[in-house]
């Protein structure tokens, strides 16, 4: 996901809330880790992660990766590029998993740089 944002000289944009539903179908013996990372170009934010281990039976896991409140902000007075990446890591001998996602929901707020 990439979202360009045009700002005025005295503005910055803040990412306030973030949510994405992730559905993982994993087979017996799989260790699964999903990671959602959303940030502005030139900045970093902590990824939202979910880990699960499927031991005895095949299973479907539905998880809402969610963060409420302030997450990240752009640089002041420059146009911003919001980027997002969802990754899936599967470990285990002959382990298999499939992932599907819902729409990422987020709240962006444009604020004055002096605030």
C-alpha atoms as a PDB file:
ATOM      1  CA  UNK A   1       0.000   0.000   0.000  1.00  0.00           C
ATOM      2  CA  UNK A   2       1.288   3.462  -0.863  1.00  0.00           C
ATOM      3  CA  UNK A   3      -0.649   6.683  -0.291  1.00  0.00           C
ATOM      4  CA  UNK A   4       0.819  10.060  -1.325  1.00  0.00           C
ATOM      5  CA  UNK A   5      -0.267  13.035   0.815  1.00  0.00           C
ATOM      6  CA  UNK A   6       0.199  16.678  -0.205  1.00  0.00           C
ATOM      7  CA  UNK A   7       0.779  19.113   2.662  1.00  0.00           C
ATOM      8  CA  UNK A   8       1.211  22.852   3.078  1.00  0.00           C
ATOM      9  CA  UNK A   9       4.514  24.308   4.320  1.00  0.00           C
ATOM     10  CA  UNK A  10       3.382  24.440   7.958  1.00  0.00           C
ATOM     11  CA  UNK A  11       1.562  21.087   8.129  1.00  0.00           C
ATOM     12  CA  UNK A  12       2.312  17.492   9.067  1.00  0.00           C
ATOM     13  CA  UNK A  13       0.088  14.424   9.011  1.00  0.00           C
ATOM     14  CA  UNK A  14      -0.392  12.029  11.909  1.00  0.00           C
ATOM     15  CA  UNK A  15      -1.476   8.406  11.768  1.00  0.00           C
ATOM     16  CA  UNK A  16      -3.800   8.014  14.748  1.00  0.00           C
ATOM     17  CA  UNK A  17      -5.559   4.617  14.516  1.00  0.00           C
ATOM     18  CA  UNK A  18      -4.887   1.490  12.477  1.00  0.00           C
ATOM     19  CA  UNK A  19      -6.788  -1.761  12.052  1.00  0.00           C
ATOM     20  CA  UNK A  20      -6.650  -4.678   9.622  1.00  0.00           C
ATOM     21  CA  UNK A  21      -8.309  -8.082   9.824  1.00  0.00           C
ATOM     22  CA  UNK A  22      -5.993 -10.950   8.905  1.00  0.00           C
ATOM     23  CA  UNK A  23      -7.277 -14.471   8.219  1.00  0.00           C
ATOM     24  CA  UNK A  24      -4.699 -17.242   8.307  1.00  0.00           C
ATOM     25  CA  UNK A  25      -5.366 -20.853   7.347  1.00  0.00           C
ATOM     26  CA  UNK A  26      -2.518 -22.949   8.748  1.00  0.00           C
ATOM     27  CA  UNK A  27      -1.874 -26.679   8.685  1.00  0.00           C
ATOM     28  CA  UNK A  28      -0.725 -28.985  11.473  1.00  0.00           C
ATOM     29  CA  UNK A  29       2.761 -28.202  12.761  1.00  0.00           C
ATOM     30  CA  UNK A  30       2.929 -24.661  11.407  1.00  0.00           C
ATOM     31  CA  UNK A  31       4.217 -21.691  13.369  1.00  0.00           C
ATOM     32  CA  UNK A  32       2.784 -18.513  11.894  1.00  0.00           C
ATOM     33  CA  UNK A  33       3.734 -14.874  12.426  1.00  0.00           C
ATOM     34  CA  UNK A  34       2.020 -11.973  10.701  1.00  0.00           C
ATOM     35  CA  UNK A  35       3.391  -8.444  10.816  1.00  0.00           C
ATOM     36  CA  UNK A  36       1.731  -5.214   9.666  1.00  0.00           C
ATOM     37  CA  UNK A  37       4.009  -2.204   9.326  1.00  0.00           C
ATOM     38  CA  UNK A  38       2.679   1.225   8.335  1.00  0.00           C
ATOM     39  CA  UNK A  39       4.922   4.291   8.314  1.00  0.00           C
ATOM     40  CA  UNK A  40       5.688   7.537   6.550  1.00  0.00           C
ATOM     41  CA  UNK A  41       8.698   7.670   4.216  1.00  0.00           C
ATOM     42  CA  UNK A  42      11.739   8.754   6.206  1.00  0.00           C
ATOM     43  CA  UNK A  43      10.253   7.625   9.550  1.00  0.00           C
ATOM     44  CA  UNK A  44       9.780   4.357  11.436  1.00  0.00           C
ATOM     45  CA  UNK A  45       6.914   2.880  13.410  1.00  0.00           C
ATOM     46  CA  UNK A  46       6.604  -0.309  15.424  1.00  0.00           C
ATOM     47  CA  UNK A  47       4.933  -3.133  13.482  1.00  0.00           C
ATOM     48  CA  UNK A  48       1.754  -4.773  14.762  1.00  0.00           C
ATOM     49  CA  UNK A  49       2.391  -8.505  15.089  1.00  0.00           C
ATOM     50  CA  UNK A  50       0.440 -11.675  15.807  1.00  0.00           C
ATOM     51  CA  UNK A  51       1.991 -15.096  16.389  1.00  0.00           C
ATOM     52  CA  UNK A  52       0.299 -18.501  16.553  1.00  0.00           C
ATOM     53  CA  UNK A  53       1.287 -22.153  16.588  1.00  0.00           C
ATOM     54  CA  UNK A  54      -0.954 -24.819  15.058  1.00  0.00           C
ATOM     55  CA  UNK A  55      -0.006 -28.054  16.841  1.00  0.00           C
ATOM     56  CA  UNK A  56      -2.608 -30.815  16.664  1.00  0.00           C
ATOM     57  CA  UNK A  57      -5.116 -29.896  13.992  1.00  0.00           C
ATOM     58  CA  UNK A  58      -5.403 -27.733  10.933  1.00  0.00           C
ATOM     59  CA  UNK A  59      -6.907 -24.408  11.840  1.00  0.00           C
ATOM     60  CA  UNK A  60      -8.177 -21.052  10.735  1.00  0.00           C
ATOM     61  CA  UNK A  61      -7.092 -18.016  12.718  1.00  0.00           C
ATOM     62  CA  UNK A  62      -8.823 -14.673  12.363  1.00  0.00           C
ATOM     63  CA  UNK A  63      -7.035 -11.802  14.084  1.00  0.00           C
ATOM     64  CA  UNK A  64      -7.621  -8.066  14.059  1.00  0.00           C
ATOM     65  CA  UNK A  65      -4.244  -6.312  14.063  1.00  0.00           C
ATOM     66  CA  UNK A  66      -5.135  -3.056  15.779  1.00  0.00           C
ATOM     67  CA  UNK A  67      -3.490  -0.018  17.342  1.00  0.00           C
ATOM     68  CA  UNK A  68      -5.423   2.858  18.897  1.00  0.00           C
ATOM     69  CA  UNK A  69      -3.988   6.308  19.468  1.00  0.00           C
ATOM     70  CA  UNK A  70      -0.899   7.971  18.037  1.00  0.00           C
ATOM     71  CA  UNK A  71       1.220   5.710  15.829  1.00  0.00           C
ATOM     72  CA  UNK A  72       3.429   7.892  13.619  1.00  0.00           C
ATOM     73  CA  UNK A  73       3.729  11.306  11.991  1.00  0.00           C
ATOM     74  CA  UNK A  74       5.282  12.726   8.850  1.00  0.00           C
ATOM     75  CA  UNK A  75       8.060  15.238   8.602  1.00  0.00           C
ATOM     76  CA  UNK A  76       6.954  18.847   8.959  1.00  0.00           C
ATOM     77  CA  UNK A  77       6.196  20.910   5.855  1.00  0.00           C
ATOM     78  CA  UNK A  78       6.940  18.199   3.293  1.00  0.00           C
ATOM     79  CA  UNK A  79       4.648  16.047   1.203  1.00  0.00           C
ATOM     80  CA  UNK A  80       4.344  12.597   2.734  1.00  0.00           C
ATOM     81  CA  UNK A  81       4.177   9.041   1.447  1.00  0.00           C
ATOM     82  CA  UNK A  82       2.360   6.599   3.695  1.00  0.00           C
ATOM     83  CA  UNK A  83       3.485   3.023   3.073  1.00  0.00           C
ATOM     84  CA  UNK A  84       2.153  -0.235   4.426  1.00  0.00           C
ATOM     85  CA  UNK A  85       3.377  -3.803   4.293  1.00  0.00           C
ATOM     86  CA  UNK A  86       1.829  -7.007   5.591  1.00  0.00           C
ATOM     87  CA  UNK A  87       4.101 -10.037   5.852  1.00  0.00           C
ATOM     88  CA  UNK A  88       3.556 -13.664   6.800  1.00  0.00           C
ATOM     89  CA  UNK A  89       6.269 -15.996   8.077  1.00  0.00           C
ATOM     90  CA  UNK A  90       5.601 -19.736   8.291  1.00  0.00           C
ATOM     91  CA  UNK A  91       7.984 -22.152  10.052  1.00  0.00           C
ATOM     92  CA  UNK A  92       7.822 -25.903  10.482  1.00  0.00           C
ATOM     93  CA  UNK A  93       8.738 -29.033   8.597  1.00  0.00           C
ATOM     94  CA  UNK A  94       6.443 -29.211   5.564  1.00  0.00           C
ATOM     95  CA  UNK A  95       4.326 -26.421   7.097  1.00  0.00           C
ATOM     96  CA  UNK A  96       1.846 -24.569   4.926  1.00  0.00           C
ATOM     97  CA  UNK A  97      -0.301 -21.515   5.517  1.00  0.00           C
ATOM     98  CA  UNK A  98      -2.362 -19.093   3.510  1.00  0.00           C
ATOM     99  CA  UNK A  99      -3.305 -15.535   4.423  1.00  0.00           C
ATOM    100  CA  UNK A 100      -6.051 -13.185   3.304  1.00  0.00           C
ATOM    101  CA  UNK A 101      -6.729  -9.688   4.548  1.00  0.00           C
ATOM    102  CA  UNK A 102      -9.536  -7.213   4.880  1.00  0.00           C
ATOM    103  CA  UNK A 103      -9.304  -3.532   4.117  1.00  0.00           C
ATOM    104  CA  UNK A 104      -6.856  -1.573   6.253  1.00  0.00           C
ATOM    105  CA  UNK A 105      -8.713   1.086   8.232  1.00  0.00           C
ATOM    106  CA  UNK A 106      -6.768   4.085   9.456  1.00  0.00           C
ATOM    107  CA  UNK A 107      -7.266   7.621  10.699  1.00  0.00           C
ATOM    108  CA  UNK A 108      -5.088  10.414   9.370  1.00  0.00           C
ATOM    109  CA  UNK A 109      -5.059  13.878  10.914  1.00  0.00           C
ATOM    110  CA  UNK A 110      -3.428  16.954   9.382  1.00  0.00           C
ATOM    111  CA  UNK A 111      -2.094  19.281  12.072  1.00  0.00           C
ATOM    112  CA  UNK A 112      -0.095  22.512  12.287  1.00  0.00           C
ATOM    113  CA  UNK A 113       3.641  21.923  12.769  1.00  0.00           C
ATOM    114  CA  UNK A 114       3.652  24.260  15.777  1.00  0.00           C
ATOM    115  CA  UNK A 115       1.251  22.089  17.785  1.00  0.00           C
END
